[in-house]
Amino acid sequence: MASFKKYRADSKFKLSQVDPGESPFLDGNEADQLAEIDTLAVELDDMQNLLHAEGRRKVLLVLQGMDTSGKDGTVRWVFSRTSPLGVRVTAFKVPSDDERAHDYLWRCHAVVPRGGEIAVWNRSHYEDVLVPVVEGWIDKAETQRRYAQINDFERLLVETGTVVVKCMLHIDKDTQRERLQARIDTPGKQWKFNVGDLEVRTKWNAYQQAYDKALRATSTDHAPWYVIPANNKRHRNLMIARLLMKILRQMKLKAPPADPALKGMLIK
């Protein structure tokens, strides 16, 4: 059985330690793998119901990765059987004028999960220690301040009942090229293609270095990072589904105790 230990980042972690093409969590043939993803999706729905019934704790799943790493696909597959009433997805785009007028964490506070809810962030506050670093908009001192602020922000969430799960979807440059080309070549997928993605692609190595530093600085005991080998889409989905279920089971969620006043009640 594959272990998550290797994929949990720490202060000495290097992204090069993880081969984005490996798939240790895949067992059996494709049909078996798809069946397990579906089974986990159903179980995840059951767990979300218990989380909602309990009504106190919350879960935040952070998905980060280079363009085409599969953040949308992860949401589509892992939460395919989960009620939309209990899962809220937020996609972080380029900050609006209103968001720029506030501190960079302001828009994150507005969409943290409520009691009993699973929130999924497609990109996140980590954009603010990736893009500005690569583009040279902030210096090393400001970058370090932001790492510390992010760690404090996540500690606040954890101390007020949120379980934070952070996944970096790790693909290689060739896989990104293939996926971008597929978007161009497929009329039904061309809407996904953004010419600006090509400019970002020229800075691949700089982004890998920025991720390396951010993972080491912000993978904490209260909110660790997991690096997900994501060249294989089924592996990505299965690994994240297993990780989420592992964490939800560890929460030992329980429905509220039965109300004695309802015992024997009959509806006429």
C-alpha atoms as a PDB file:
ATOM      1  CA  MET A   1       0.000   0.000   0.000  1.00  0.00           C
ATOM      2  CA  ALA A   2       1.409   3.383  -1.034  1.00  0.00           C
ATOM      3  CA  SER A   3       2.146   5.882   1.726  1.00  0.00           C
ATOM      4  CA  PHE A   4       1.544   9.629   1.802  1.00  0.00           C
ATOM      5  CA  LYS A   5       4.689  10.191   3.853  1.00  0.00           C
ATOM      6  CA  LYS A   6       6.988  10.628   0.860  1.00  0.00           C
ATOM      7  CA  TYR A   7       4.681  13.264  -0.606  1.00  0.00           C
ATOM      8  CA  ARG A   8       4.296  15.409   2.491  1.00  0.00           C
ATOM      9  CA  ALA A   9       6.592  18.429   2.249  1.00  0.00           C
ATOM     10  CA  ASP A  10       8.755  19.691   5.102  1.00  0.00           C
ATOM     11  CA  SER A  11      11.417  22.351   5.629  1.00  0.00           C
ATOM     12  CA  LYS A  12      13.981  20.308   3.655  1.00  0.00           C
ATOM     13  CA  PHE A  13      11.685  19.217   0.846  1.00  0.00           C
ATOM     14  CA  LYS A  14      12.610  19.617  -2.823  1.00  0.00           C
ATOM     15  CA  LEU A  15      10.114  19.334  -5.631  1.00  0.00           C
ATOM     16  CA  SER A  16      12.661  17.319  -7.601  1.00  0.00           C
ATOM     17  CA  GLN A  17      12.218  14.499  -5.056  1.00  0.00           C
ATOM     18  CA  VAL A  18       8.854  13.670  -6.611  1.00  0.00           C
ATOM     19  CA  ASP A  19       8.588  12.347 -10.160  1.00  0.00           C
ATOM     20  CA  PRO A  20       5.365  13.808 -11.627  1.00  0.00           C
ATOM     21  CA  GLY A  21       5.058  10.711 -13.805  1.00  0.00           C
ATOM     22  CA  GLU A  22       4.961   8.164 -10.987  1.00  0.00           C
ATOM     23  CA  SER A  23       1.666   6.606  -9.947  1.00  0.00           C
ATOM     24  CA  PRO A  24       2.089   4.617  -6.711  1.00  0.00           C
ATOM     25  CA  PHE A  25      -1.595   4.847  -5.751  1.00  0.00           C
ATOM     26  CA  LEU A  26      -2.871   3.157  -8.911  1.00  0.00           C
ATOM     27  CA  ASP A  27      -3.880  -0.482  -8.439  1.00  0.00           C
ATOM     28  CA  GLY A  28      -5.408  -2.883 -10.954  1.00  0.00           C
ATOM     29  CA  ASN A  29      -6.614  -1.936 -14.423  1.00  0.00           C
ATOM     30  CA  GLU A  30      -8.331   1.256 -15.589  1.00  0.00           C
ATOM     31  CA  ALA A  31     -11.808  -0.081 -14.819  1.00  0.00           C
ATOM     32  CA  ASP A  32     -10.755  -0.964 -11.253  1.00  0.00           C
ATOM     33  CA  GLN A  33      -9.246   2.484 -10.765  1.00  0.00           C
ATOM     34  CA  LEU A  34     -12.344   4.300 -12.010  1.00  0.00           C
ATOM     35  CA  ALA A  35     -14.510   2.100  -9.811  1.00  0.00           C
ATOM     36  CA  GLU A  36     -12.424   2.955  -6.746  1.00  0.00           C
ATOM     37  CA  ILE A  37     -12.632   6.679  -7.503  1.00  0.00           C
ATOM     38  CA  ASP A  38     -16.426   6.347  -7.732  1.00  0.00           C
ATOM     39  CA  THR A  39     -16.584   4.359  -4.477  1.00  0.00           C
ATOM     40  CA  LEU A  40     -14.506   6.980  -2.699  1.00  0.00           C
ATOM     41  CA  ALA A  41     -16.703   9.734  -4.143  1.00  0.00           C
ATOM     42  CA  VAL A  42     -19.789   8.065  -2.645  1.00  0.00           C
ATOM     43  CA  GLU A  43     -18.045   7.638   0.710  1.00  0.00           C
ATOM     44  CA  LEU A  44     -16.936  11.261   0.577  1.00  0.00           C
ATOM     45  CA  ASP A  45     -20.594  12.275   0.202  1.00  0.00           C
ATOM     46  CA  ASP A  46     -21.450  10.229   3.315  1.00  0.00           C
ATOM     47  CA  MET A  47     -18.639  11.924   5.228  1.00  0.00           C
ATOM     48  CA  GLN A  48     -19.770  15.350   4.084  1.00  0.00           C
ATOM     49  CA  ASN A  49     -23.260  14.590   5.386  1.00  0.00           C
ATOM     50  CA  LEU A  50     -21.786  13.768   8.800  1.00  0.00           C
ATOM     51  CA  LEU A  51     -19.650  16.920   8.703  1.00  0.00           C
ATOM     52  CA  HIS A  52     -22.775  18.955   7.972  1.00  0.00           C
ATOM     53  CA  ALA A  53     -24.798  17.183  10.652  1.00  0.00           C
ATOM     54  CA  GLU A  54     -22.105  17.813  13.242  1.00  0.00           C
ATOM     55  CA  GLY A  55     -22.051  21.453  12.146  1.00  0.00           C
ATOM     56  CA  ARG A  56     -18.908  22.541  14.035  1.00  0.00           C
ATOM     57  CA  ARG A  57     -15.853  21.667  12.022  1.00  0.00           C
ATOM     58  CA  LYS A  58     -14.951  22.517   8.431  1.00  0.00           C
ATOM     59  CA  VAL A  59     -12.586  21.319   5.720  1.00  0.00           C
ATOM     60  CA  LEU A  60     -10.576  23.471   3.315  1.00  0.00           C
ATOM     61  CA  LEU A  61      -8.977  21.777   0.298  1.00  0.00           C
ATOM     62  CA  VAL A  62      -6.392  23.966  -1.442  1.00  0.00           C
ATOM     63  CA  LEU A  63      -5.460  22.983  -5.014  1.00  0.00           C
ATOM     64  CA  GLN A  64      -2.375  24.601  -6.542  1.00  0.00           C
ATOM     65  CA  GLY A  65      -0.445  23.749  -9.667  1.00  0.00           C
ATOM     66  CA  MET A  66       0.832  24.980 -12.997  1.00  0.00           C
ATOM     67  CA  ASP A  67      -1.609  25.573 -15.871  1.00  0.00           C
ATOM     68  CA  THR A  68      -3.197  22.271 -17.054  1.00  0.00           C
ATOM     69  CA  SER A  69      -2.182  20.440 -13.861  1.00  0.00           C
ATOM     70  CA  GLY A  70      -5.803  19.352 -13.394  1.00  0.00           C
ATOM     71  CA  LYS A  71      -7.388  21.477 -10.690  1.00  0.00           C
ATOM     72  CA  ASP A  72     -10.760  21.562 -12.464  1.00  0.00           C
ATOM     73  CA  GLY A  73     -10.600  17.851 -13.239  1.00  0.00           C
ATOM     74  CA  THR A  74      -9.845  17.043  -9.619  1.00  0.00           C
ATOM     75  CA  VAL A  75     -12.976  18.858  -8.485  1.00  0.00           C
ATOM     76  CA  ARG A  76     -15.063  17.199 -11.201  1.00  0.00           C
ATOM     77  CA  TRP A  77     -13.997  13.650 -10.319  1.00  0.00           C
ATOM     78  CA  VAL A  78     -13.316  13.677  -6.585  1.00  0.00           C
ATOM     79  CA  PHE A  79     -16.582  15.465  -5.775  1.00  0.00           C
ATOM     80  CA  SER A  80     -18.671  13.823  -8.505  1.00  0.00           C
ATOM     81  CA  ARG A  81     -21.078  12.250  -5.984  1.00  0.00           C
ATOM     82  CA  THR A  82     -21.067  14.990  -3.347  1.00  0.00           C
ATOM     83  CA  SER A  83     -24.088  17.211  -2.793  1.00  0.00           C
ATOM     84  CA  PRO A  84     -23.407  20.758  -4.052  1.00  0.00           C
ATOM     85  CA  LEU A  85     -25.122  21.978  -0.876  1.00  0.00           C
ATOM     86  CA  GLY A  86     -22.139  20.854   1.186  1.00  0.00           C
ATOM     87  CA  VAL A  87     -19.216  21.706  -1.090  1.00  0.00           C
ATOM     88  CA  ARG A  88     -18.326  25.244  -2.177  1.00  0.00           C
ATOM     89  CA  VAL A  89     -15.705  25.791  -4.879  1.00  0.00           C
ATOM     90  CA  THR A  90     -13.926  29.112  -5.317  1.00  0.00           C
ATOM     91  CA  ALA A  91     -11.689  29.782  -8.320  1.00  0.00           C
ATOM     92  CA  PHE A  92      -9.135  32.496  -7.597  1.00  0.00           C
ATOM     93  CA  LYS A  93      -8.607  34.662 -10.667  1.00  0.00           C
ATOM     94  CA  VAL A  94      -6.499  37.782 -11.207  1.00  0.00           C
ATOM     95  CA  PRO A  95      -7.437  40.141  -8.322  1.00  0.00           C
ATOM     96  CA  SER A  96     -10.150  42.674  -9.057  1.00  0.00           C
ATOM     97  CA  ASP A  97      -9.711  46.390  -8.349  1.00  0.00           C
ATOM     98  CA  ASP A  98     -11.691  45.966  -5.132  1.00  0.00           C
ATOM     99  CA  GLU A  99      -9.508  43.042  -4.047  1.00  0.00           C
ATOM    100  CA  ARG A 100      -6.325  44.966  -4.828  1.00  0.00           C
ATOM    101  CA  ALA A 101      -7.556  47.780  -2.598  1.00  0.00           C
ATOM    102  CA  HIS A 102      -7.374  45.400   0.399  1.00  0.00           C
ATOM    103  CA  ASP A 103      -4.637  43.188   1.800  1.00  0.00           C
ATOM    104  CA  TYR A 104      -3.982  40.063  -0.273  1.00  0.00           C
ATOM    105  CA  LEU A 105      -5.679  37.755   2.248  1.00  0.00           C
ATOM    106  CA  TRP A 106      -8.899  39.776   2.324  1.00  0.00           C
ATOM    107  CA  ARG A 107     -10.563  37.862  -0.493  1.00  0.00           C
ATOM    108  CA  CYS A 108      -9.581  34.570   1.155  1.00  0.00           C
ATOM    109  CA  HIS A 109     -11.246  35.408   4.471  1.00  0.00           C
ATOM    110  CA  ALA A 110     -14.492  35.997   2.582  1.00  0.00           C
ATOM    111  CA  VAL A 111     -14.659  32.413   1.276  1.00  0.00           C
ATOM    112  CA  VAL A 112     -13.328  30.257   4.107  1.00  0.00           C
ATOM    113  CA  PRO A 113     -15.603  27.279   4.823  1.00  0.00           C
ATOM    114  CA  ARG A 114     -18.575  27.633   7.122  1.00  0.00           C
ATOM    115  CA  GLY A 115     -19.359  25.116   9.857  1.00  0.00           C
ATOM    116  CA  GLY A 116     -20.168  21.732   8.322  1.00  0.00           C
ATOM    117  CA  GLU A 117     -18.868  22.716   4.890  1.00  0.00           C
ATOM    118  CA  ILE A 118     -16.092  21.571   2.580  1.00  0.00           C
ATOM    119  CA  ALA A 119     -14.532  24.467   0.680  1.00  0.00           C
ATOM    120  CA  VAL A 120     -12.323  23.863  -2.341  1.00  0.00           C
ATOM    121  CA  TRP A 121      -9.977  26.600  -3.530  1.00  0.00           C
ATOM    122  CA  ASN A 122      -8.931  26.325  -7.166  1.00  0.00           C
ATOM    123  CA  ARG A 123      -5.723  28.331  -6.784  1.00  0.00           C
ATOM    124  CA  SER A 124      -5.543  30.327  -3.566  1.00  0.00           C
ATOM    125  CA  HIS A 125      -3.621  32.781  -1.400  1.00  0.00           C
ATOM    126  CA  TYR A 126      -0.479  30.996  -2.621  1.00  0.00           C
ATOM    127  CA  GLU A 127      -0.750  32.874  -5.908  1.00  0.00           C
ATOM    128  CA  ASP A 128       0.532  35.834  -3.877  1.00  0.00           C
ATOM    129  CA  VAL A 129       3.849  34.106  -3.149  1.00  0.00           C
ATOM    130  CA  LEU A 130       4.228  32.696  -6.664  1.00  0.00           C
ATOM    131  CA  VAL A 131       3.308  35.234  -9.365  1.00  0.00           C
ATOM    132  CA  PRO A 132       4.729  38.311  -7.557  1.00  0.00           C
ATOM    133  CA  VAL A 133       7.936  36.410  -6.796  1.00  0.00           C
ATOM    134  CA  VAL A 134       8.464  35.232 -10.384  1.00  0.00           C
ATOM    135  CA  GLU A 135       7.574  38.639 -11.810  1.00  0.00           C
ATOM    136  CA  GLY A 136       9.815  40.442  -9.334  1.00  0.00           C
ATOM    137  CA  TRP A 137       6.983  42.527  -7.876  1.00  0.00           C
ATOM    138  CA  ILE A 138       8.021  41.765  -4.290  1.00  0.00           C
ATOM    139  CA  ASP A 139      11.477  41.326  -2.785  1.00  0.00           C
ATOM    140  CA  LYS A 140      12.815  38.529  -0.591  1.00  0.00           C
ATOM    141  CA  ALA A 141      11.936  40.326   2.641  1.00  0.00           C
ATOM    142  CA  GLU A 142       8.310  40.785   1.575  1.00  0.00           C
ATOM    143  CA  THR A 143       8.153  37.187   0.412  1.00  0.00           C
ATOM    144  CA  GLN A 144       9.300  35.979   3.840  1.00  0.00           C
ATOM    145  CA  ARG A 145       6.726  38.225   5.528  1.00  0.00           C
ATOM    146  CA  ARG A 146       4.003  36.725   3.366  1.00  0.00           C
ATOM    147  CA  TYR A 147       5.085  33.183   4.192  1.00  0.00           C
ATOM    148  CA  ALA A 148       4.780  34.029   7.894  1.00  0.00           C
ATOM    149  CA  GLN A 149       1.416  35.743   7.396  1.00  0.00           C
ATOM    150  CA  ILE A 150       0.058  32.761   5.472  1.00  0.00           C
ATOM    151  CA  ASN A 151       1.197  30.378   8.206  1.00  0.00           C
ATOM    152  CA  ASP A 152      -0.530  32.556  10.813  1.00  0.00           C
ATOM    153  CA  PHE A 153      -3.686  32.771   8.675  1.00  0.00           C
ATOM    154  CA  GLU A 154      -3.853  28.996   8.352  1.00  0.00           C
ATOM    155  CA  ARG A 155      -3.161  28.559  12.062  1.00  0.00           C
ATOM    156  CA  LEU A 156      -6.149  30.816  12.759  1.00  0.00           C
ATOM    157  CA  LEU A 157      -8.326  28.626  10.555  1.00  0.00           C
ATOM    158  CA  VAL A 158      -7.142  25.426  12.226  1.00  0.00           C
ATOM    159  CA  GLU A 159      -7.569  26.807  15.733  1.00  0.00           C
ATOM    160  CA  THR A 160     -11.158  27.782  14.907  1.00  0.00           C
ATOM    161  CA  GLY A 161     -12.157  24.333  13.646  1.00  0.00           C
ATOM    162  CA  THR A 162     -10.964  24.085  10.035  1.00  0.00           C
ATOM    163  CA  VAL A 163      -8.945  21.145   8.765  1.00  0.00           C
ATOM    164  CA  VAL A 164      -6.658  22.470   6.013  1.00  0.00           C
ATOM    165  CA  VAL A 165      -5.582  20.082   3.234  1.00  0.00           C
ATOM    166  CA  LYS A 166      -3.125  21.505   0.689  1.00  0.00           C
ATOM    167  CA  CYS A 167      -2.314  19.682  -2.547  1.00  0.00           C
ATOM    168  CA  MET A 168       0.229  20.782  -5.132  1.00  0.00           C
ATOM    169  CA  LEU A 169      -0.620  19.080  -8.441  1.00  0.00           C
ATOM    170  CA  HIS A 170       2.809  18.282  -9.901  1.00  0.00           C
ATOM    171  CA  ILE A 171       3.176  17.822 -13.674  1.00  0.00           C
ATOM    172  CA  ASP A 172       6.206  18.037 -15.933  1.00  0.00           C
ATOM    173  CA  LYS A 173       6.759  20.494 -18.765  1.00  0.00           C
ATOM    174  CA  ASP A 174       6.173  17.920 -21.521  1.00  0.00           C
ATOM    175  CA  THR A 175       2.792  16.979 -20.055  1.00  0.00           C
ATOM    176  CA  GLN A 176       1.800  20.627 -19.958  1.00  0.00           C
ATOM    177  CA  ARG A 177       2.831  21.020 -23.606  1.00  0.00           C
ATOM    178  CA  GLU A 178       0.676  18.030 -24.609  1.00  0.00           C
ATOM    179  CA  ARG A 179      -2.349  19.335 -22.717  1.00  0.00           C
ATOM    180  CA  LEU A 180      -2.021  22.864 -24.083  1.00  0.00           C
ATOM    181  CA  GLN A 181      -1.671  21.480 -27.613  1.00  0.00           C
ATOM    182  CA  ALA A 182      -4.766  19.320 -27.102  1.00  0.00           C
ATOM    183  CA  ARG A 183      -6.726  22.446 -26.197  1.00  0.00           C
ATOM    184  CA  ILE A 184      -5.606  24.139 -29.389  1.00  0.00           C
ATOM    185  CA  ASP A 185      -6.304  21.088 -31.567  1.00  0.00           C
ATOM    186  CA  THR A 186      -9.742  20.310 -30.141  1.00  0.00           C
ATOM    187  CA  PRO A 187     -12.449  22.858 -31.096  1.00  0.00           C
ATOM    188  CA  GLY A 188     -14.537  21.942 -28.062  1.00  0.00           C
ATOM    189  CA  LYS A 189     -11.610  22.716 -25.754  1.00  0.00           C
ATOM    190  CA  GLN A 190     -10.256  25.857 -27.378  1.00  0.00           C
ATOM    191  CA  TRP A 191     -12.177  28.023 -24.917  1.00  0.00           C
ATOM    192  CA  LYS A 192      -9.822  26.708 -22.218  1.00  0.00           C
ATOM    193  CA  PHE A 193      -6.754  28.009 -24.034  1.00  0.00           C
ATOM    194  CA  ASN A 194      -5.320  31.369 -23.067  1.00  0.00           C
ATOM    195  CA  VAL A 195      -2.439  32.817 -25.077  1.00  0.00           C
ATOM    196  CA  GLY A 196      -1.116  34.239 -21.786  1.00  0.00           C
ATOM    197  CA  ASP A 197      -0.434  30.654 -20.670  1.00  0.00           C
ATOM    198  CA  LEU A 198       2.405  30.518 -23.195  1.00  0.00           C
ATOM    199  CA  GLU A 199       4.140  33.491 -21.580  1.00  0.00           C
ATOM    200  CA  VAL A 200       3.869  31.824 -18.173  1.00  0.00           C
ATOM    201  CA  ARG A 201       5.255  28.626 -19.697  1.00  0.00           C
ATOM    202  CA  THR A 202       8.481  30.421 -20.673  1.00  0.00           C
ATOM    203  CA  LYS A 203       9.037  30.984 -16.936  1.00  0.00           C
ATOM    204  CA  TRP A 204       8.603  27.313 -16.018  1.00  0.00           C
ATOM    205  CA  ASN A 205      11.870  26.978 -14.111  1.00  0.00           C
ATOM    206  CA  ALA A 206      11.245  30.167 -12.142  1.00  0.00           C
ATOM    207  CA  TYR A 207       7.826  28.900 -11.081  1.00  0.00           C
ATOM    208  CA  GLN A 208       9.273  25.543 -10.054  1.00  0.00           C
ATOM    209  CA  GLN A 209      11.773  27.382  -7.853  1.00  0.00           C
ATOM    210  CA  ALA A 210       9.019  29.579  -6.389  1.00  0.00           C
ATOM    211  CA  TYR A 211       6.952  26.489  -5.578  1.00  0.00           C
ATOM    212  CA  ASP A 212       9.984  24.824  -4.021  1.00  0.00           C
ATOM    213  CA  LYS A 213      10.522  27.725  -1.635  1.00  0.00           C
ATOM    214  CA  ALA A 214       6.839  28.196  -0.830  1.00  0.00           C
ATOM    215  CA  LEU A 215       6.314  24.507  -0.063  1.00  0.00           C
ATOM    216  CA  ARG A 216       9.254  24.441   2.336  1.00  0.00           C
ATOM    217  CA  ALA A 217       8.241  27.660   4.074  1.00  0.00           C
ATOM    218  CA  THR A 218       4.524  26.938   4.478  1.00  0.00           C
ATOM    219  CA  SER A 219       4.238  23.173   5.007  1.00  0.00           C
ATOM    220  CA  THR A 220       3.493  23.162   8.727  1.00  0.00           C
ATOM    221  CA  ASP A 221       2.257  20.632  11.254  1.00  0.00           C
ATOM    222  CA  HIS A 222      -1.123  22.353  11.310  1.00  0.00           C
ATOM    223  CA  ALA A 223      -1.398  22.732   7.508  1.00  0.00           C
ATOM    224  CA  PRO A 224       1.000  20.465   5.607  1.00  0.00           C
ATOM    225  CA  TRP A 225       1.519  20.382   1.861  1.00  0.00           C
ATOM    226  CA  TYR A 226       1.128  17.179  -0.160  1.00  0.00           C
ATOM    227  CA  VAL A 227       2.736  16.995  -3.605  1.00  0.00           C
ATOM    228  CA  ILE A 228       0.550  14.956  -5.963  1.00  0.00           C
ATOM    229  CA  PRO A 229       2.200  13.320  -9.014  1.00  0.00           C
ATOM    230  CA  ALA A 230      -0.317  14.464 -11.622  1.00  0.00           C
ATOM    231  CA  ASN A 231       0.880  13.486 -15.091  1.00  0.00           C
ATOM    232  CA  ASN A 232      -1.609  10.612 -14.847  1.00  0.00           C
ATOM    233  CA  LYS A 233      -5.080  12.058 -14.291  1.00  0.00           C
ATOM    234  CA  ARG A 234      -6.537   8.942 -12.683  1.00  0.00           C
ATOM    235  CA  HIS A 235      -3.625   8.775 -10.274  1.00  0.00           C
ATOM    236  CA  ARG A 236      -4.119  12.433  -9.360  1.00  0.00           C
ATOM    237  CA  ASN A 237      -7.816  11.923  -8.669  1.00  0.00           C
ATOM    238  CA  LEU A 238      -7.363   8.680  -6.767  1.00  0.00           C
ATOM    239  CA  MET A 239      -4.517   9.978  -4.590  1.00  0.00           C
ATOM    240  CA  ILE A 240      -6.417  13.119  -3.598  1.00  0.00           C
ATOM    241  CA  ALA A 241      -9.625  11.154  -2.956  1.00  0.00           C
ATOM    242  CA  ARG A 242      -7.738   8.705  -0.720  1.00  0.00           C
ATOM    243  CA  LEU A 243      -6.005  11.557   1.105  1.00  0.00           C
ATOM    244  CA  LEU A 244      -9.278  13.351   1.766  1.00  0.00           C
ATOM    245  CA  MET A 245     -10.967  10.191   2.984  1.00  0.00           C
ATOM    246  CA  LYS A 246      -8.018   9.395   5.255  1.00  0.00           C
ATOM    247  CA  ILE A 247      -8.254  12.826   6.856  1.00  0.00           C
ATOM    248  CA  LEU A 248     -12.046  12.750   7.176  1.00  0.00           C
ATOM    249  CA  ARG A 249     -11.922   9.342   8.843  1.00  0.00           C
ATOM    250  CA  GLN A 250      -9.342  10.646  11.298  1.00  0.00           C
ATOM    251  CA  MET A 251     -11.801  13.400  12.253  1.00  0.00           C
ATOM    252  CA  LYS A 252     -14.128  10.680  13.670  1.00  0.00           C
ATOM    253  CA  LEU A 253     -17.242  12.536  12.542  1.00  0.00           C
ATOM    254  CA  LYS A 254     -20.491  11.608  14.266  1.00  0.00           C
ATOM    255  CA  ALA A 255     -24.080  12.652  13.826  1.00  0.00           C
ATOM    256  CA  PRO A 256     -25.644  14.471  16.810  1.00  0.00           C
ATOM    257  CA  PRO A 257     -27.171  12.181  19.475  1.00  0.00           C
ATOM    258  CA  ALA A 258     -30.780  11.163  19.065  1.00  0.00           C
ATOM    259  CA  ASP A 259     -33.365  13.563  20.506  1.00  0.00           C
ATOM    260  CA  PRO A 260     -35.262  11.681  23.277  1.00  0.00           C
ATOM    261  CA  ALA A 261     -38.253  13.934  22.684  1.00  0.00           C
ATOM    262  CA  LEU A 262     -38.729  12.303  19.278  1.00  0.00           C
ATOM    263  CA  LYS A 263     -38.840   8.726  20.593  1.00  0.00           C
ATOM    264  CA  GLY A 264     -42.107   7.054  19.621  1.00  0.00           C
ATOM    265  CA  MET A 265     -43.372  10.093  17.723  1.00  0.00           C
ATOM    266  CA  LEU A 266     -45.787   9.186  14.899  1.00  0.00           C
ATOM    267  CA  ILE A 267     -46.695  11.444  12.019  1.00  0.00           C
ATOM    268  CA  LYS A 268     -50.419  11.484  11.236  1.00  0.00           C
END
